[in-house]
């Protein structure tokens, strides 16, 4: 099974890249299943029902998220009803939505799990204890498990990779919007990368117009964020997974330029 994991889709430029590039990429690389982190797809903050449908129609199967998923209140219209939209499983009890899901792919069952780190983000429940509990339950139904670990610090993601090595098919990091070059398969068969990178404008500061962010650093004054537009790329990884064992056999980092028409 070949799974594509797409890094944080940022604003309209990121959405356009997915819409224009994903259909051909799926066909060329014979991709079976697509996961995209979409928590920044609405103007750089949050997600709306219309944008979720736009990404599904482009060919994504599951949308994951992180600490920005509730930034746009429109997401509350769909987050309980849409089984393909996930938020971190270690959010406190009572938060709308779900932290993992099961999906049928060519007669097989694939599970996607979403967790958030805690260092420099928010004091969510412990992702290590919650993650292990979730994985044990999920493995009763399928060994094919892809984890989106949405975290700020690399050490927290690496530690989770080693902690769950051999129990999940892949751990893909998100949140920092900068693609790392440490993709590899751990000894137990878990594919790993610290960050998928951003699908959006790289002529920017992690998606926002660079002049705005530089001004904020210089003055420490509040500024209005605006999504940048130039140098757009679709970033992520392609993972090959052995279907009976759920173990990864390879992971390939991808970065595909997208030239906007306007």
Protein backbone atom coordinates (compact mmCIF):
# COMPACT_ATOMS: atom_id res chain seq x y z
CA UNK A 1 0.00 0.00 0.00
CA UNK A 2 1.27 3.45 -0.90
CA UNK A 3 0.24 6.31 1.40
CA UNK A 4 0.82 10.01 0.74
CA UNK A 5 1.02 12.33 3.75
CA UNK A 6 0.76 16.03 2.87
CA UNK A 7 2.23 18.68 5.18
CA UNK A 8 0.25 21.59 6.64
CA UNK A 9 -1.95 23.03 3.88
CA UNK A 10 -1.58 26.78 4.37
CA UNK A 11 -4.21 29.19 3.08
CA UNK A 12 -5.41 29.56 -0.48
CA UNK A 13 -1.98 28.98 -2.07
CA UNK A 14 -1.67 25.65 -0.29
CA UNK A 15 -5.19 24.59 -1.24
CA UNK A 16 -4.55 25.49 -4.88
CA UNK A 17 -1.40 23.38 -4.87
CA UNK A 18 -3.34 20.38 -3.58
CA UNK A 19 -6.18 20.85 -6.07
CA UNK A 20 -3.86 21.27 -9.06
CA UNK A 21 -1.12 18.76 -8.23
CA UNK A 22 -2.70 15.93 -6.27
CA UNK A 23 -4.86 14.23 -8.96
CA UNK A 24 -1.92 13.72 -11.33
CA UNK A 25 0.42 12.76 -8.48
CA UNK A 26 -1.97 10.05 -7.29
CA UNK A 27 -2.17 8.60 -10.78
CA UNK A 28 1.56 8.81 -11.54
CA UNK A 29 2.71 7.30 -8.25
CA UNK A 30 -0.22 4.85 -7.85
CA UNK A 31 -1.14 6.26 -4.45
CA UNK A 32 -3.81 4.38 -2.52
CA UNK A 33 -4.53 6.72 0.38
CA UNK A 34 -3.97 10.43 1.08
CA UNK A 35 -3.76 12.22 4.43
CA UNK A 36 -3.37 16.01 4.69
CA UNK A 37 -2.99 18.26 7.70
CA UNK A 38 -5.57 21.00 7.11
CA UNK A 39 -5.68 23.07 10.31
CA UNK A 40 -4.21 26.14 8.59
CA UNK A 41 -6.09 25.88 5.31
CA UNK A 42 -8.57 28.73 5.96
CA UNK A 43 -6.53 31.89 5.64
CA UNK A 44 -3.75 30.32 7.65
CA UNK A 45 -5.91 29.62 10.70
CA UNK A 46 -8.52 26.89 11.03
CA UNK A 47 -10.77 25.03 8.61
CA UNK A 48 -14.24 25.58 7.12
CA UNK A 49 -16.77 23.07 5.73
CA UNK A 50 -16.32 24.42 2.20
CA UNK A 51 -12.55 24.07 2.35
CA UNK A 52 -12.81 20.54 3.72
CA UNK A 53 -14.98 19.59 0.74
CA UNK A 54 -12.53 21.27 -1.64
CA UNK A 55 -9.68 19.14 -0.28
CA UNK A 56 -11.74 15.94 -0.36
CA UNK A 57 -12.75 16.59 -3.97
CA UNK A 58 -9.08 17.09 -4.87
CA UNK A 59 -8.35 13.56 -3.67
CA UNK A 60 -7.52 13.68 0.03
CA UNK A 61 -9.08 10.91 2.13
CA UNK A 62 -8.44 12.14 5.68
CA UNK A 63 -7.80 15.60 7.13
CA UNK A 64 -5.75 15.83 10.32
CA UNK A 65 -5.14 18.89 12.46
CA UNK A 66 -3.60 20.26 15.66
CA UNK A 67 -3.77 23.24 17.98
CA UNK A 68 -5.36 25.56 15.37
CA UNK A 69 -8.29 23.35 14.36
CA UNK A 70 -10.86 25.40 16.30
CA UNK A 71 -9.51 28.83 15.28
CA UNK A 72 -12.31 29.18 12.72
CA UNK A 73 -15.66 28.50 14.44
CA UNK A 74 -17.18 27.18 11.21
CA UNK A 75 -15.39 23.88 11.81
CA UNK A 76 -17.88 23.15 14.57
CA UNK A 77 -20.50 22.62 11.87
CA UNK A 78 -18.77 19.45 10.69
CA UNK A 79 -16.22 18.18 13.20
CA UNK A 80 -18.63 15.84 15.00
CA UNK A 81 -20.32 14.54 11.85
CA UNK A 82 -17.36 14.09 9.49
CA UNK A 83 -15.50 10.80 10.18
CA UNK A 84 -12.68 11.85 7.86
CA UNK A 85 -11.80 14.97 9.85
CA UNK A 86 -9.62 14.41 12.91
CA UNK A 87 -8.39 16.50 15.82
CA UNK A 88 -5.76 15.40 18.36
CA UNK A 89 -6.91 12.45 20.46
CA UNK A 90 -5.32 13.94 23.58
CA UNK A 91 -7.60 16.99 23.67
CA UNK A 92 -9.49 17.04 27.00
CA UNK A 93 -12.65 14.92 27.34
CA UNK A 94 -15.76 16.63 25.96
CA UNK A 95 -14.03 18.44 23.08
CA UNK A 96 -15.96 17.96 19.81
CA UNK A 97 -14.62 15.62 17.16
CA UNK A 98 -12.56 12.43 17.17
CA UNK A 99 -8.88 11.58 17.46
CA UNK A 100 -8.71 8.56 15.16
CA UNK A 101 -10.68 6.85 12.43
CA UNK A 102 -10.89 3.63 10.41
CA UNK A 103 -11.01 3.70 6.62
CA UNK A 104 -11.49 1.02 3.97
CA UNK A 105 -8.88 0.98 1.21
CA UNK A 106 -9.05 -1.77 -1.43
CA UNK A 107 -10.67 -4.11 1.06
CA UNK A 108 -8.15 -3.33 3.81
CA UNK A 109 -8.67 -1.28 6.96
CA UNK A 110 -6.39 1.69 7.55
CA UNK A 111 -6.42 3.76 10.72
CA UNK A 112 -5.24 7.35 11.13
CA UNK A 113 -4.42 8.67 14.60
CA UNK A 114 -3.88 12.35 15.47
CA UNK A 115 -1.96 13.51 18.55
CA UNK A 116 -0.64 16.86 19.75
CA UNK A 117 2.59 17.46 21.58
CA UNK A 118 2.63 19.55 24.74
CA UNK A 119 6.01 21.30 24.79
CA UNK A 120 5.56 24.99 23.83
CA UNK A 121 1.97 24.37 22.66
CA UNK A 122 -0.74 23.73 25.27
CA UNK A 123 -1.17 21.48 28.25
CA UNK A 124 -3.16 18.77 26.55
CA UNK A 125 -3.40 15.29 28.05
CA UNK A 126 -0.19 13.25 27.87
CA UNK A 127 0.26 12.17 24.23
CA UNK A 128 2.44 9.22 25.23
CA UNK A 129 -0.08 7.58 27.53
CA UNK A 130 -3.09 8.49 25.38
CA UNK A 131 -1.23 7.45 22.22
CA UNK A 132 -0.32 4.02 23.56
CA UNK A 133 -3.88 3.41 24.75
CA UNK A 134 -5.28 4.40 21.36
CA UNK A 135 -2.77 2.30 19.41
CA UNK A 136 -3.50 -0.81 21.47
CA UNK A 137 -7.23 -0.45 20.77
CA UNK A 138 -6.69 0.30 17.08
CA UNK A 139 -4.44 -2.72 16.59
CA UNK A 140 -7.36 -4.98 17.55
CA UNK A 141 -8.84 -4.03 14.17
CA UNK A 142 -5.83 -3.27 11.94
CA UNK A 143 -2.02 -3.16 12.00
CA UNK A 144 -1.94 -0.30 9.46
CA UNK A 145 -1.77 2.87 11.56
CA UNK A 146 -0.50 6.30 10.47
CA UNK A 147 0.06 8.86 13.23
CA UNK A 148 0.12 12.62 12.65
CA UNK A 149 2.14 13.91 15.61
CA UNK A 150 1.51 17.66 15.72
CA UNK A 151 4.26 19.06 17.92
CA UNK A 152 6.66 21.98 18.24
CA UNK A 153 9.86 20.29 19.39
CA UNK A 154 11.70 17.61 17.46
CA UNK A 155 12.65 15.67 20.59
CA UNK A 156 9.00 15.03 21.46
CA UNK A 157 8.31 13.64 18.00
CA UNK A 158 11.45 11.51 17.92
CA UNK A 159 10.67 10.11 21.36
CA UNK A 160 7.16 9.19 20.25
CA UNK A 161 8.57 7.47 17.16
CA UNK A 162 10.83 5.27 19.28
CA UNK A 163 8.07 4.70 21.84
CA UNK A 164 5.67 3.34 19.23
CA UNK A 165 8.21 1.75 16.86
CA UNK A 166 6.84 -1.53 15.58
CA UNK A 167 3.30 -0.73 16.78
CA UNK A 168 2.41 1.80 14.09
CA UNK A 169 3.16 1.98 10.37
CA UNK A 170 4.31 5.59 10.35
CA UNK A 171 4.74 8.71 12.44
CA UNK A 172 4.70 11.93 10.43
CA UNK A 173 5.40 15.18 12.27
CA UNK A 174 3.55 18.41 11.58
CA UNK A 175 3.25 21.94 13.03
CA UNK A 176 6.60 23.64 12.35
CA UNK A 177 5.95 24.09 8.59
CA UNK A 178 9.60 23.33 7.80
CA UNK A 179 10.32 20.02 6.09
CA UNK A 180 13.04 17.98 7.77
CA UNK A 181 15.52 15.66 6.08
CA UNK A 182 15.44 12.81 8.61
CA UNK A 183 12.99 10.47 6.90
CA UNK A 184 13.81 6.81 7.59
CA UNK A 185 12.29 3.52 8.69
CA UNK A 186 12.93 2.67 12.34
CA UNK A 187 14.15 -0.87 13.26
CA UNK A 188 10.67 -2.08 14.20
CA UNK A 189 9.17 -1.06 10.85
CA UNK A 190 7.76 2.39 11.62
CA UNK A 191 8.40 5.07 8.99
CA UNK A 192 9.39 8.39 10.54
CA UNK A 193 9.91 12.06 9.64
CA UNK A 194 10.09 14.93 12.12
CA UNK A 195 8.11 17.31 9.92
CA UNK A 196 6.35 16.93 6.60
CA UNK A 197 6.84 20.60 5.80
CA UNK A 198 4.24 23.07 4.61
CA UNK A 199 2.10 22.90 1.50
CA UNK A 200 1.96 26.59 0.80
CA UNK A 201 4.08 29.69 0.09
CA UNK A 202 7.77 29.42 0.99
CA UNK A 203 8.56 33.04 0.07
CA UNK A 204 7.31 33.78 3.57
CA UNK A 205 7.81 33.15 7.26
CA UNK A 206 6.06 29.77 7.69
CA UNK A 207 3.25 30.95 5.38
CA UNK A 208 2.82 34.58 6.45
CA UNK A 209 4.18 37.54 4.46
CA UNK A 210 7.77 37.92 5.63
CA UNK A 211 7.64 41.72 5.94
CA UNK A 212 4.85 41.45 8.50
CA UNK A 213 6.67 38.94 10.66
CA UNK A 214 9.96 40.85 10.49
CA UNK A 215 8.12 44.00 11.62
CA UNK A 216 6.65 42.09 14.55
CA UNK A 217 10.08 40.84 15.61
CA UNK A 218 11.54 44.35 15.32
CA UNK A 219 8.79 46.20 17.15
CA UNK A 220 7.07 43.58 19.34
CA UNK A 221 3.81 45.24 18.31
CA UNK A 222 0.70 43.29 17.23
CA UNK A 223 0.27 42.98 13.47
CA UNK A 224 -2.40 41.62 11.17
CA UNK A 225 -1.22 38.37 9.57
CA UNK A 226 -1.59 37.97 5.80
CA UNK A 227 -0.95 34.78 3.84
CA UNK A 228 2.00 35.05 1.45
CA UNK A 229 1.69 33.99 -2.19
CA UNK A 230 5.07 33.24 -3.77
CA UNK A 231 7.18 30.10 -4.21
CA UNK A 232 4.39 27.61 -3.51
CA UNK A 233 5.25 23.96 -2.94
CA UNK A 234 3.40 20.76 -2.07
CA UNK A 235 5.43 18.95 0.59
CA UNK A 236 5.09 15.60 2.29
CA UNK A 237 6.17 11.98 2.14
CA UNK A 238 5.27 8.81 0.26
CA UNK A 239 5.25 5.70 2.42
CA UNK A 240 5.12 2.07 1.29
CA UNK A 241 3.41 -0.19 3.82
CA UNK A 242 3.32 -3.98 3.88
CA UNK A 243 -0.37 -4.75 4.00
CA UNK A 244 -0.44 -7.86 6.20
CA UNK A 245 1.99 -6.71 8.89
CA UNK A 246 1.44 -2.96 8.74
CA UNK A 247 5.20 -2.38 8.67
CA UNK A 248 6.67 0.33 6.47
CA UNK A 249 9.19 -0.71 3.83
CA UNK A 250 10.17 2.76 2.60
CA UNK A 251 9.58 6.48 3.07
CA UNK A 252 10.31 9.12 0.42
CA UNK A 253 10.33 12.85 1.00
CA UNK A 254 8.64 14.93 -1.71
CA UNK A 255 8.62 18.64 -2.53
CA UNK A 256 6.76 19.64 -5.70
CA UNK A 257 6.72 23.28 -6.93
CA UNK A 258 3.41 24.80 -7.95
CA UNK A 259 3.26 27.86 -10.20
CA UNK A 260 0.16 29.91 -9.53
CA UNK A 261 -1.64 31.41 -12.53
CA UNK A 262 -2.17 34.74 -10.78
